[in-house]
Every structure is written in C-alpha cells, then in structure tokens.
mmCIF file of all heavy atoms, coordinates in Angstrom:
data_MODEL
# 
_entry.id   MODEL 
# 
loop_
_atom_site.group_PDB 
_atom_site.id 
_atom_site.type_symbol 
_atom_site.label_atom_id 
_atom_site.label_alt_id 
_atom_site.label_comp_id 
_atom_site.label_asym_id 
_atom_site.label_entity_id 
_atom_site.label_seq_id 
_atom_site.pdbx_PDB_ins_code 
_atom_site.Cartn_x 
_atom_site.Cartn_y 
_atom_site.Cartn_z 
_atom_site.occupancy 
_atom_site.B_iso_or_equiv 
_atom_site.pdbx_formal_charge 
_atom_site.auth_seq_id 
_atom_site.auth_comp_id 
_atom_site.auth_asym_id 
_atom_site.auth_atom_id 
_atom_site.pdbx_PDB_model_num 
ATOM 1   N N   . GLN A 1 1  ? 6.068  -25.177 5.937  1.00 0.00 ? 1  GLN A N   1 
ATOM 2   C CA  . GLN A 1 1  ? 4.832  -25.203 5.064  1.00 0.00 ? 1  GLN A CA  1 
ATOM 3   C C   . GLN A 1 1  ? 3.911  -26.386 5.278  1.00 0.00 ? 1  GLN A C   1 
ATOM 4   O O   . GLN A 1 1  ? 2.825  -26.419 5.413  1.00 0.00 ? 1  GLN A O   1 
ATOM 5   C CB  . GLN A 1 1  ? 5.172  -25.073 3.568  1.00 0.00 ? 1  GLN A CB  1 
ATOM 6   C CG  . GLN A 1 1  ? 5.889  -23.717 3.219  1.00 0.00 ? 1  GLN A CG  1 
ATOM 7   C CD  . GLN A 1 1  ? 4.931  -22.624 3.156  1.00 0.00 ? 1  GLN A CD  1 
ATOM 8   O OE1 . GLN A 1 1  ? 3.683  -22.860 3.115  1.00 0.00 ? 1  GLN A OE1 1 
ATOM 9   N NE2 . GLN A 1 1  ? 5.369  -21.393 3.082  1.00 0.00 ? 1  GLN A NE2 1 
ATOM 10  N N   . GLN A 1 2  ? 4.670  -27.587 5.496  1.00 0.00 ? 2  GLN A N   1 
ATOM 11  C CA  . GLN A 1 2  ? 3.950  -28.938 5.500  1.00 0.00 ? 2  GLN A CA  1 
ATOM 12  C C   . GLN A 1 2  ? 3.359  -29.105 6.910  1.00 0.00 ? 2  GLN A C   1 
ATOM 13  O O   . GLN A 1 2  ? 2.319  -29.466 7.019  1.00 0.00 ? 2  GLN A O   1 
ATOM 14  C CB  . GLN A 1 2  ? 5.036  -30.041 5.369  1.00 0.00 ? 2  GLN A CB  1 
ATOM 15  C CG  . GLN A 1 2  ? 5.638  -30.182 3.884  1.00 0.00 ? 2  GLN A CG  1 
ATOM 16  C CD  . GLN A 1 2  ? 6.570  -31.238 3.900  1.00 0.00 ? 2  GLN A CD  1 
ATOM 17  O OE1 . GLN A 1 2  ? 6.523  -32.219 4.384  1.00 0.00 ? 2  GLN A OE1 1 
ATOM 18  N NE2 . GLN A 1 2  ? 7.651  -31.004 2.962  1.00 0.00 ? 2  GLN A NE2 1 
ATOM 19  N N   . LEU A 1 3  ? 4.082  -28.765 8.004  1.00 0.00 ? 3  LEU A N   1 
ATOM 20  C CA  . LEU A 1 3  ? 3.588  -28.987 9.431  1.00 0.00 ? 3  LEU A CA  1 
ATOM 21  C C   . LEU A 1 3  ? 3.079  -27.842 10.099 1.00 0.00 ? 3  LEU A C   1 
ATOM 22  O O   . LEU A 1 3  ? 2.374  -28.202 11.059 1.00 0.00 ? 3  LEU A O   1 
ATOM 23  C CB  . LEU A 1 3  ? 4.884  -29.623 10.064 1.00 0.00 ? 3  LEU A CB  1 
ATOM 24  C CG  . LEU A 1 3  ? 5.464  -30.884 9.539  1.00 0.00 ? 3  LEU A CG  1 
ATOM 25  C CD1 . LEU A 1 3  ? 6.809  -31.043 10.232 1.00 0.00 ? 3  LEU A CD1 1 
ATOM 26  C CD2 . LEU A 1 3  ? 4.571  -31.953 9.554  1.00 0.00 ? 3  LEU A CD2 1 
ATOM 27  N N   . LEU A 1 4  ? 3.342  -26.626 9.812  1.00 0.00 ? 4  LEU A N   1 
ATOM 28  C CA  . LEU A 1 4  ? 2.771  -25.612 10.471 1.00 0.00 ? 4  LEU A CA  1 
ATOM 29  C C   . LEU A 1 4  ? 1.860  -24.702 9.547  1.00 0.00 ? 4  LEU A C   1 
ATOM 30  O O   . LEU A 1 4  ? 1.357  -23.718 9.915  1.00 0.00 ? 4  LEU A O   1 
ATOM 31  C CB  . LEU A 1 4  ? 3.885  -24.614 10.866 1.00 0.00 ? 4  LEU A CB  1 
ATOM 32  C CG  . LEU A 1 4  ? 4.848  -25.274 11.893 1.00 0.00 ? 4  LEU A CG  1 
ATOM 33  C CD1 . LEU A 1 4  ? 5.906  -24.235 12.218 1.00 0.00 ? 4  LEU A CD1 1 
ATOM 34  C CD2 . LEU A 1 4  ? 4.190  -25.664 13.073 1.00 0.00 ? 4  LEU A CD2 1 
ATOM 35  N N   . SER A 1 5  ? 1.537  -25.102 8.325  1.00 0.00 ? 5  SER A N   1 
ATOM 36  C CA  . SER A 1 5  ? 0.696  -24.525 7.402  1.00 0.00 ? 5  SER A CA  1 
ATOM 37  C C   . SER A 1 5  ? 1.169  -23.031 7.066  1.00 0.00 ? 5  SER A C   1 
ATOM 38  O O   . SER A 1 5  ? 0.386  -22.057 7.010  1.00 0.00 ? 5  SER A O   1 
ATOM 39  C CB  . SER A 1 5  ? -0.802 -24.427 7.919  1.00 0.00 ? 5  SER A CB  1 
ATOM 40  O OG  . SER A 1 5  ? -1.278 -25.725 8.102  1.00 0.00 ? 5  SER A OG  1 
ATOM 41  N N   . GLY A 1 6  ? 2.498  -22.962 6.992  1.00 0.00 ? 6  GLY A N   1 
ATOM 42  C CA  . GLY A 1 6  ? 3.065  -21.595 6.593  1.00 0.00 ? 6  GLY A CA  1 
ATOM 43  C C   . GLY A 1 6  ? 4.158  -21.071 7.515  1.00 0.00 ? 6  GLY A C   1 
ATOM 44  O O   . GLY A 1 6  ? 4.710  -21.886 8.461  1.00 0.00 ? 6  GLY A O   1 
ATOM 45  N N   . MET A 1 7  ? 4.798  -19.961 7.077  1.00 0.00 ? 7  MET A N   1 
ATOM 46  C CA  . MET A 1 7  ? 5.829  -19.469 7.758  1.00 0.00 ? 7  MET A CA  1 
ATOM 47  C C   . MET A 1 7  ? 5.386  -18.689 8.996  1.00 0.00 ? 7  MET A C   1 
ATOM 48  O O   . MET A 1 7  ? 4.304  -18.286 9.121  1.00 0.00 ? 7  MET A O   1 
ATOM 49  C CB  . MET A 1 7  ? 6.657  -18.461 6.892  1.00 0.00 ? 7  MET A CB  1 
ATOM 50  C CG  . MET A 1 7  ? 7.315  -19.088 5.689  1.00 0.00 ? 7  MET A CG  1 
ATOM 51  S SD  . MET A 1 7  ? 7.923  -17.776 4.561  1.00 0.00 ? 7  MET A SD  1 
ATOM 52  C CE  . MET A 1 7  ? 9.044  -16.905 5.648  1.00 0.00 ? 7  MET A CE  1 
ATOM 53  N N   . ARG A 1 8  ? 6.348  -18.329 9.731  1.00 0.00 ? 8  ARG A N   1 
ATOM 54  C CA  . ARG A 1 8  ? 6.165  -17.504 11.041 1.00 0.00 ? 8  ARG A CA  1 
ATOM 55  C C   . ARG A 1 8  ? 7.217  -16.223 10.835 1.00 0.00 ? 8  ARG A C   1 
ATOM 56  O O   . ARG A 1 8  ? 8.312  -16.486 10.487 1.00 0.00 ? 8  ARG A O   1 
ATOM 57  C CB  . ARG A 1 8  ? 6.463  -18.183 12.288 1.00 0.00 ? 8  ARG A CB  1 
ATOM 58  C CG  . ARG A 1 8  ? 5.692  -19.403 12.572 1.00 0.00 ? 8  ARG A CG  1 
ATOM 59  C CD  . ARG A 1 8  ? 4.089  -19.104 12.699 1.00 0.00 ? 8  ARG A CD  1 
ATOM 60  N NE  . ARG A 1 8  ? 3.423  -20.249 13.277 1.00 0.00 ? 8  ARG A NE  1 
ATOM 61  C CZ  . ARG A 1 8  ? 2.798  -21.091 12.852 1.00 0.00 ? 8  ARG A CZ  1 
ATOM 62  N NH1 . ARG A 1 8  ? 2.853  -21.088 11.349 1.00 0.00 ? 8  ARG A NH1 1 
ATOM 63  N NH2 . ARG A 1 8  ? 2.016  -21.983 13.291 1.00 0.00 ? 8  ARG A NH2 1 
ATOM 64  N N   . LEU A 1 9  ? 6.749  -15.064 11.050 1.00 0.00 ? 9  LEU A N   1 
ATOM 65  C CA  . LEU A 1 9  ? 7.483  -13.836 10.993 1.00 0.00 ? 9  LEU A CA  1 
ATOM 66  C C   . LEU A 1 9  ? 7.407  -13.023 12.159 1.00 0.00 ? 9  LEU A C   1 
ATOM 67  O O   . LEU A 1 9  ? 6.323  -13.007 12.856 1.00 0.00 ? 9  LEU A O   1 
ATOM 68  C CB  . LEU A 1 9  ? 7.144  -12.947 9.772  1.00 0.00 ? 9  LEU A CB  1 
ATOM 69  C CG  . LEU A 1 9  ? 7.471  -13.467 8.335  1.00 0.00 ? 9  LEU A CG  1 
ATOM 70  C CD1 . LEU A 1 9  ? 7.045  -12.370 7.374  1.00 0.00 ? 9  LEU A CD1 1 
ATOM 71  C CD2 . LEU A 1 9  ? 8.991  -13.705 8.256  1.00 0.00 ? 9  LEU A CD2 1 
ATOM 72  N N   . SER A 1 10 ? 8.413  -12.333 12.618 1.00 0.00 ? 10 SER A N   1 
ATOM 73  C CA  . SER A 1 10 ? 8.311  -11.273 13.619 1.00 0.00 ? 10 SER A CA  1 
ATOM 74  C C   . SER A 1 10 ? 8.682  -9.894  13.005 1.00 0.00 ? 10 SER A C   1 
ATOM 75  O O   . SER A 1 10 ? 9.518  -9.741  12.267 1.00 0.00 ? 10 SER A O   1 
ATOM 76  C CB  . SER A 1 10 ? 9.369  -11.596 14.658 1.00 0.00 ? 10 SER A CB  1 
ATOM 77  O OG  . SER A 1 10 ? 9.420  -10.531 15.628 1.00 0.00 ? 10 SER A OG  1 
ATOM 78  N N   . LEU A 1 11 ? 7.718  -8.916  13.074 1.00 0.00 ? 11 LEU A N   1 
ATOM 79  C CA  . LEU A 1 11 ? 7.825  -7.760  12.454 1.00 0.00 ? 11 LEU A CA  1 
ATOM 80  C C   . LEU A 1 11 ? 7.828  -6.550  13.449 1.00 0.00 ? 11 LEU A C   1 
ATOM 81  O O   . LEU A 1 11 ? 6.786  -6.594  14.275 1.00 0.00 ? 11 LEU A O   1 
ATOM 82  C CB  . LEU A 1 11 ? 6.698  -7.648  11.502 1.00 0.00 ? 11 LEU A CB  1 
ATOM 83  C CG  . LEU A 1 11 ? 6.655  -6.467  10.458 1.00 0.00 ? 11 LEU A CG  1 
ATOM 84  C CD1 . LEU A 1 11 ? 7.728  -6.827  9.519  1.00 0.00 ? 11 LEU A CD1 1 
ATOM 85  C CD2 . LEU A 1 11 ? 5.270  -6.605  9.671  1.00 0.00 ? 11 LEU A CD2 1 
ATOM 86  N N   . THR A 1 12 ? 8.800  -5.785  13.522 1.00 0.00 ? 12 THR A N   1 
ATOM 87  C CA  . THR A 1 12 ? 8.932  -4.645  14.447 1.00 0.00 ? 12 THR A CA  1 
ATOM 88  C C   . THR A 1 12 ? 8.656  -3.311  13.700 1.00 0.00 ? 12 THR A C   1 
ATOM 89  O O   . THR A 1 12 ? 9.422  -3.058  12.722 1.00 0.00 ? 12 THR A O   1 
ATOM 90  C CB  . THR A 1 12 ? 10.107 -4.589  15.204 1.00 0.00 ? 12 THR A CB  1 
ATOM 91  O OG1 . THR A 1 12 ? 10.349 -5.933  15.879 1.00 0.00 ? 12 THR A OG1 1 
ATOM 92  C CG2 . THR A 1 12 ? 10.131 -3.491  16.237 1.00 0.00 ? 12 THR A CG2 1 
ATOM 93  N N   . LEU A 1 13 ? 7.595  -2.483  14.033 1.00 0.00 ? 13 LEU A N   1 
ATOM 94  C CA  . LEU A 1 13 ? 7.296  -1.376  13.301 1.00 0.00 ? 13 LEU A CA  1 
ATOM 95  C C   . LEU A 1 13 ? 7.295  -0.076  14.328 1.00 0.00 ? 13 LEU A C   1 
ATOM 96  O O   . LEU A 1 13 ? 7.064  -0.287  15.552 1.00 0.00 ? 13 LEU A O   1 
ATOM 97  C CB  . LEU A 1 13 ? 6.033  -1.400  12.740 1.00 0.00 ? 13 LEU A CB  1 
ATOM 98  C CG  . LEU A 1 13 ? 5.722  -2.607  11.765 1.00 0.00 ? 13 LEU A CG  1 
ATOM 99  C CD1 . LEU A 1 13 ? 4.217  -2.531  11.205 1.00 0.00 ? 13 LEU A CD1 1 
ATOM 100 C CD2 . LEU A 1 13 ? 6.663  -2.580  10.630 1.00 0.00 ? 13 LEU A CD2 1 
ATOM 101 N N   . ARG A 1 14 ? 7.667  1.013   13.724 1.00 0.00 ? 14 ARG A N   1 
ATOM 102 C CA  . ARG A 1 14 ? 7.299  2.290   14.464 1.00 0.00 ? 14 ARG A CA  1 
ATOM 103 C C   . ARG A 1 14 ? 6.039  2.830   13.848 1.00 0.00 ? 14 ARG A C   1 
ATOM 104 O O   . ARG A 1 14 ? 5.872  3.183   12.771 1.00 0.00 ? 14 ARG A O   1 
ATOM 105 C CB  . ARG A 1 14 ? 8.503  3.277   14.153 1.00 0.00 ? 14 ARG A CB  1 
ATOM 106 C CG  . ARG A 1 14 ? 8.269  4.677   15.070 1.00 0.00 ? 14 ARG A CG  1 
ATOM 107 C CD  . ARG A 1 14 ? 9.549  5.396   14.805 1.00 0.00 ? 14 ARG A CD  1 
ATOM 108 N NE  . ARG A 1 14 ? 10.874 4.887   15.041 1.00 0.00 ? 14 ARG A NE  1 
ATOM 109 C CZ  . ARG A 1 14 ? 11.349 4.687   16.296 1.00 0.00 ? 14 ARG A CZ  1 
ATOM 110 N NH1 . ARG A 1 14 ? 10.623 5.054   17.257 1.00 0.00 ? 14 ARG A NH1 1 
ATOM 111 N NH2 . ARG A 1 14 ? 12.604 4.143   16.402 1.00 0.00 ? 14 ARG A NH2 1 
ATOM 112 N N   . VAL A 1 15 ? 5.010  2.716   14.807 1.00 0.00 ? 15 VAL A N   1 
ATOM 113 C CA  . VAL A 1 15 ? 3.654  2.895   14.452 1.00 0.00 ? 15 VAL A CA  1 
ATOM 114 C C   . VAL A 1 15 ? 3.089  4.247   14.917 1.00 0.00 ? 15 VAL A C   1 
ATOM 115 O O   . VAL A 1 15 ? 1.964  4.546   14.657 1.00 0.00 ? 15 VAL A O   1 
ATOM 116 C CB  . VAL A 1 15 ? 2.740  1.787   14.901 1.00 0.00 ? 15 VAL A CB  1 
ATOM 117 C CG1 . VAL A 1 15 ? 3.177  0.449   14.299 1.00 0.00 ? 15 VAL A CG1 1 
ATOM 118 C CG2 . VAL A 1 15 ? 2.660  1.626   16.346 1.00 0.00 ? 15 VAL A CG2 1 
ATOM 119 N N   . GLY A 1 16 ? 3.848  4.963   15.785 1.00 0.00 ? 16 GLY A N   1 
ATOM 120 C CA  . GLY A 1 16 ? 3.194  6.074   16.406 1.00 0.00 ? 16 GLY A CA  1 
ATOM 121 C C   . GLY A 1 16 ? 2.519  5.823   17.764 1.00 0.00 ? 16 GLY A C   1 
ATOM 122 O O   . GLY A 1 16 ? 2.269  4.559   17.902 1.00 0.00 ? 16 GLY A O   1 
ATOM 123 N N   . LYS A 1 17 ? 2.004  6.731   18.391 1.00 0.00 ? 17 LYS A N   1 
ATOM 124 C CA  . LYS A 1 17 ? 1.420  6.447   19.684 1.00 0.00 ? 17 LYS A CA  1 
ATOM 125 C C   . LYS A 1 17 ? 0.109  5.778   19.553 1.00 0.00 ? 17 LYS A C   1 
ATOM 126 O O   . LYS A 1 17 ? -0.360 5.113   20.460 1.00 0.00 ? 17 LYS A O   1 
ATOM 127 C CB  . LYS A 1 17 ? 1.338  7.791   20.449 1.00 0.00 ? 17 LYS A CB  1 
ATOM 128 C CG  . LYS A 1 17 ? 2.687  8.302   21.018 1.00 0.00 ? 17 LYS A CG  1 
ATOM 129 C CD  . LYS A 1 17 ? 2.466  9.385   21.955 1.00 0.00 ? 17 LYS A CD  1 
ATOM 130 C CE  . LYS A 1 17 ? 3.786  10.071  22.309 1.00 0.00 ? 17 LYS A CE  1 
ATOM 131 N NZ  . LYS A 1 17 ? 3.723  11.252  23.220 1.00 0.00 ? 17 LYS A NZ  1 
ATOM 132 N N   . ASP A 1 18 ? -0.680 6.024   18.491 1.00 0.00 ? 18 ASP A N   1 
ATOM 133 C CA  . ASP A 1 18 ? -1.940 5.537   18.405 1.00 0.00 ? 18 ASP A CA  1 
ATOM 134 C C   . ASP A 1 18 ? -2.134 4.693   17.077 1.00 0.00 ? 18 ASP A C   1 
ATOM 135 O O   . ASP A 1 18 ? -3.259 4.384   16.609 1.00 0.00 ? 18 ASP A O   1 
ATOM 136 C CB  . ASP A 1 18 ? -3.121 6.664   18.281 1.00 0.00 ? 18 ASP A CB  1 
ATOM 137 C CG  . ASP A 1 18 ? -2.929 7.530   19.491 1.00 0.00 ? 18 ASP A CG  1 
ATOM 138 O OD1 . ASP A 1 18 ? -2.863 6.983   20.643 1.00 0.00 ? 18 ASP A OD1 1 
ATOM 139 O OD2 . ASP A 1 18 ? -2.918 8.785   19.360 1.00 0.00 ? 18 ASP A OD2 1 
ATOM 140 N N   . GLY A 1 19 ? -1.040 4.162   16.626 1.00 0.00 ? 19 GLY A N   1 
ATOM 141 C CA  . GLY A 1 19 ? -1.180 3.488   15.346 1.00 0.00 ? 19 GLY A CA  1 
ATOM 142 C C   . GLY A 1 19 ? -1.122 1.836   15.417 1.00 0.00 ? 19 GLY A C   1 
ATOM 143 O O   . GLY A 1 19 ? -1.049 1.177   14.403 1.00 0.00 ? 19 GLY A O   1 
ATOM 144 N N   . HIS A 1 20 ? -1.242 1.367   16.603 1.00 0.00 ? 20 HIS A N   1 
ATOM 145 C CA  . HIS A 1 20 ? -1.053 -0.123  16.854 1.00 0.00 ? 20 HIS A CA  1 
ATOM 146 C C   . HIS A 1 20 ? -2.148 -0.792  16.029 1.00 0.00 ? 20 HIS A C   1 
ATOM 147 O O   . HIS A 1 20 ? -1.958 -1.775  15.361 1.00 0.00 ? 20 HIS A O   1 
ATOM 148 C CB  . HIS A 1 20 ? -1.065 -0.396  18.295 1.00 0.00 ? 20 HIS A CB  1 
ATOM 149 C CG  . HIS A 1 20 ? 0.072  0.084   18.999 1.00 0.00 ? 20 HIS A CG  1 
ATOM 150 N ND1 . HIS A 1 20 ? 0.266  1.407   19.300 1.00 0.00 ? 20 HIS A ND1 1 
ATOM 151 C CD2 . HIS A 1 20 ? 1.253  -0.523  19.537 1.00 0.00 ? 20 HIS A CD2 1 
ATOM 152 C CE1 . HIS A 1 20 ? 1.381  1.575   19.956 1.00 0.00 ? 20 HIS A CE1 1 
ATOM 153 N NE2 . HIS A 1 20 ? 1.918  0.401   20.147 1.00 0.00 ? 20 HIS A NE2 1 
ATOM 154 N N   . ALA A 1 21 ? -3.464 -0.413  16.267 1.00 0.00 ? 21 ALA A N   1 
ATOM 155 C CA  . ALA A 1 21 ? -4.619 -1.118  15.712 1.00 0.00 ? 21 ALA A CA  1 
ATOM 156 C C   . ALA A 1 21 ? -4.497 -0.890  14.208 1.00 0.00 ? 21 ALA A C   1 
ATOM 157 O O   . ALA A 1 21 ? -4.871 -1.845  13.486 1.00 0.00 ? 21 ALA A O   1 
ATOM 158 C CB  . ALA A 1 21 ? -5.905 -0.482  16.328 1.00 0.00 ? 21 ALA A CB  1 
ATOM 159 N N   . ARG A 1 22 ? -4.285 0.259   13.737 1.00 0.00 ? 22 ARG A N   1 
ATOM 160 C CA  . ARG A 1 22 ? -4.134 0.486   12.165 1.00 0.00 ? 22 ARG A CA  1 
ATOM 161 C C   . ARG A 1 22 ? -3.088 -0.393  11.666 1.00 0.00 ? 22 ARG A C   1 
ATOM 162 O O   . ARG A 1 22 ? -3.426 -0.938  10.493 1.00 0.00 ? 22 ARG A O   1 
ATOM 163 C CB  . ARG A 1 22 ? -3.962 1.955   11.980 1.00 0.00 ? 22 ARG A CB  1 
ATOM 164 C CG  . ARG A 1 22 ? -4.075 2.336   10.501 1.00 0.00 ? 22 ARG A CG  1 
ATOM 165 C CD  . ARG A 1 22 ? -4.004 3.823   10.374 1.00 0.00 ? 22 ARG A CD  1 
ATOM 166 N NE  . ARG A 1 22 ? -2.855 4.500   10.871 1.00 0.00 ? 22 ARG A NE  1 
ATOM 167 C CZ  . ARG A 1 22 ? -1.807 4.739   9.880  1.00 0.00 ? 22 ARG A CZ  1 
ATOM 168 N NH1 . ARG A 1 22 ? -1.906 4.447   8.635  1.00 0.00 ? 22 ARG A NH1 1 
ATOM 169 N NH2 . ARG A 1 22 ? -0.785 5.394   10.393 1.00 0.00 ? 22 ARG A NH2 1 
ATOM 170 N N   . ALA A 1 23 ? -1.965 -0.533  12.302 1.00 0.00 ? 23 ALA A N   1 
ATOM 171 C CA  . ALA A 1 23 ? -0.911 -1.362  11.738 1.00 0.00 ? 23 ALA A CA  1 
ATOM 172 C C   . ALA A 1 23 ? -1.329 -2.901  11.691 1.00 0.00 ? 23 ALA A C   1 
ATOM 173 O O   . ALA A 1 23 ? -1.104 -3.570  10.667 1.00 0.00 ? 23 ALA A O   1 
ATOM 174 C CB  . ALA A 1 23 ? 0.319  -1.264  12.620 1.00 0.00 ? 23 ALA A CB  1 
ATOM 175 N N   . GLY A 1 24 ? -2.078 -3.218  12.777 1.00 0.00 ? 24 GLY A N   1 
ATOM 176 C CA  . GLY A 1 24 ? -2.448 -4.670  12.777 1.00 0.00 ? 24 GLY A CA  1 
ATOM 177 C C   . GLY A 1 24 ? -3.464 -4.871  11.657 1.00 0.00 ? 24 GLY A C   1 
ATOM 178 O O   . GLY A 1 24 ? -3.535 -5.968  11.108 1.00 0.00 ? 24 GLY A O   1 
ATOM 179 N N   . GLN A 1 25 ? -4.440 -3.959  11.467 1.00 0.00 ? 25 GLN A N   1 
ATOM 180 C CA  . GLN A 1 25 ? -5.391 -4.099  10.292 1.00 0.00 ? 25 GLN A CA  1 
ATOM 181 C C   . GLN A 1 25 ? -4.649 -4.189  8.965  1.00 0.00 ? 25 GLN A C   1 
ATOM 182 O O   . GLN A 1 25 ? -5.076 -5.041  8.071  1.00 0.00 ? 25 GLN A O   1 
ATOM 183 C CB  . GLN A 1 25 ? -6.498 -3.035  10.391 1.00 0.00 ? 25 GLN A CB  1 
ATOM 184 C CG  . GLN A 1 25 ? -7.327 -3.036  11.659 1.00 0.00 ? 25 GLN A CG  1 
ATOM 185 C CD  . GLN A 1 25 ? -8.309 -1.878  11.684 1.00 0.00 ? 25 GLN A CD  1 
ATOM 186 O OE1 . GLN A 1 25 ? -8.106 -0.877  10.810 1.00 0.00 ? 25 GLN A OE1 1 
ATOM 187 N NE2 . GLN A 1 25 ? -9.140 -1.726  12.732 1.00 0.00 ? 25 GLN A NE2 1 
ATOM 188 N N   . LEU A 1 26 ? -3.672 -3.358  8.881  1.00 0.00 ? 26 LEU A N   1 
ATOM 189 C CA  . LEU A 1 26 ? -2.959 -3.332  7.559  1.00 0.00 ? 26 LEU A CA  1 
ATOM 190 C C   . LEU A 1 26 ? -2.232 -4.707  7.305  1.00 0.00 ? 26 LEU A C   1 
ATOM 191 O O   . LEU A 1 26 ? -2.469 -5.233  6.203  1.00 0.00 ? 26 LEU A O   1 
ATOM 192 C CB  . LEU A 1 26 ? -1.907 -2.135  7.565  1.00 0.00 ? 26 LEU A CB  1 
ATOM 193 C CG  . LEU A 1 26 ? -0.934 -2.208  6.387  1.00 0.00 ? 26 LEU A CG  1 
ATOM 194 C CD1 . LEU A 1 26 ? -1.614 -1.714  5.081  1.00 0.00 ? 26 LEU A CD1 1 
ATOM 195 C CD2 . LEU A 1 26 ? 0.260  -1.371  6.754  1.00 0.00 ? 26 LEU A CD2 1 
ATOM 196 N N   . LEU A 1 27 ? -1.577 -5.198  8.351  1.00 0.00 ? 27 LEU A N   1 
ATOM 197 C CA  . LEU A 1 27 ? -0.982 -6.443  8.060  1.00 0.00 ? 27 LEU A CA  1 
ATOM 198 C C   . LEU A 1 27 ? -1.897 -7.597  7.826  1.00 0.00 ? 27 LEU A C   1 
ATOM 199 O O   . LEU A 1 27 ? -1.713 -8.447  7.010  1.00 0.00 ? 27 LEU A O   1 
ATOM 200 C CB  . LEU A 1 27 ? -0.043 -6.693  9.358  1.00 0.00 ? 27 LEU A CB  1 
ATOM 201 C CG  . LEU A 1 27 ? 1.018  -5.858  9.683  1.00 0.00 ? 27 LEU A CG  1 
ATOM 202 C CD1 . LEU A 1 27 ? 1.606  -6.124  11.048 1.00 0.00 ? 27 LEU A CD1 1 
ATOM 203 C CD2 . LEU A 1 27 ? 2.060  -5.765  8.551  1.00 0.00 ? 27 LEU A CD2 1 
ATOM 204 N N   . SER A 1 28 ? -3.056 -7.602  8.471  1.00 0.00 ? 28 SER A N   1 
ATOM 205 C CA  . SER A 1 28 ? -4.143 -8.701  8.326  1.00 0.00 ? 28 SER A CA  1 
ATOM 206 C C   . SER A 1 28 ? -4.664 -8.614  6.889  1.00 0.00 ? 28 SER A C   1 
ATOM 207 O O   . SER A 1 28 ? -5.033 -9.779  6.402  1.00 0.00 ? 28 SER A O   1 
ATOM 208 C CB  . SER A 1 28 ? -5.342 -8.470  9.381  1.00 0.00 ? 28 SER A CB  1 
ATOM 209 O OG  . SER A 1 28 ? -4.786 -8.459  10.647 1.00 0.00 ? 28 SER A OG  1 
# 
C-alpha cells in the first residue's frame, strides 16, 4: 500500500470465446 499504491492480483477467468473485452471492462 505504501510503496506500490495498492495490491496486485492475478485473476484467471473462463470468459468464453468473445468475452475478453467484456470481462476487462467489468473488472475496470
């Protein structure tokens, strides 16, 4: 929090063949 201005996460999702952009928008 102090040095990196927050946490880092790795998130693996099953998004379907065309759901990558939609998943990215959701997470944002």
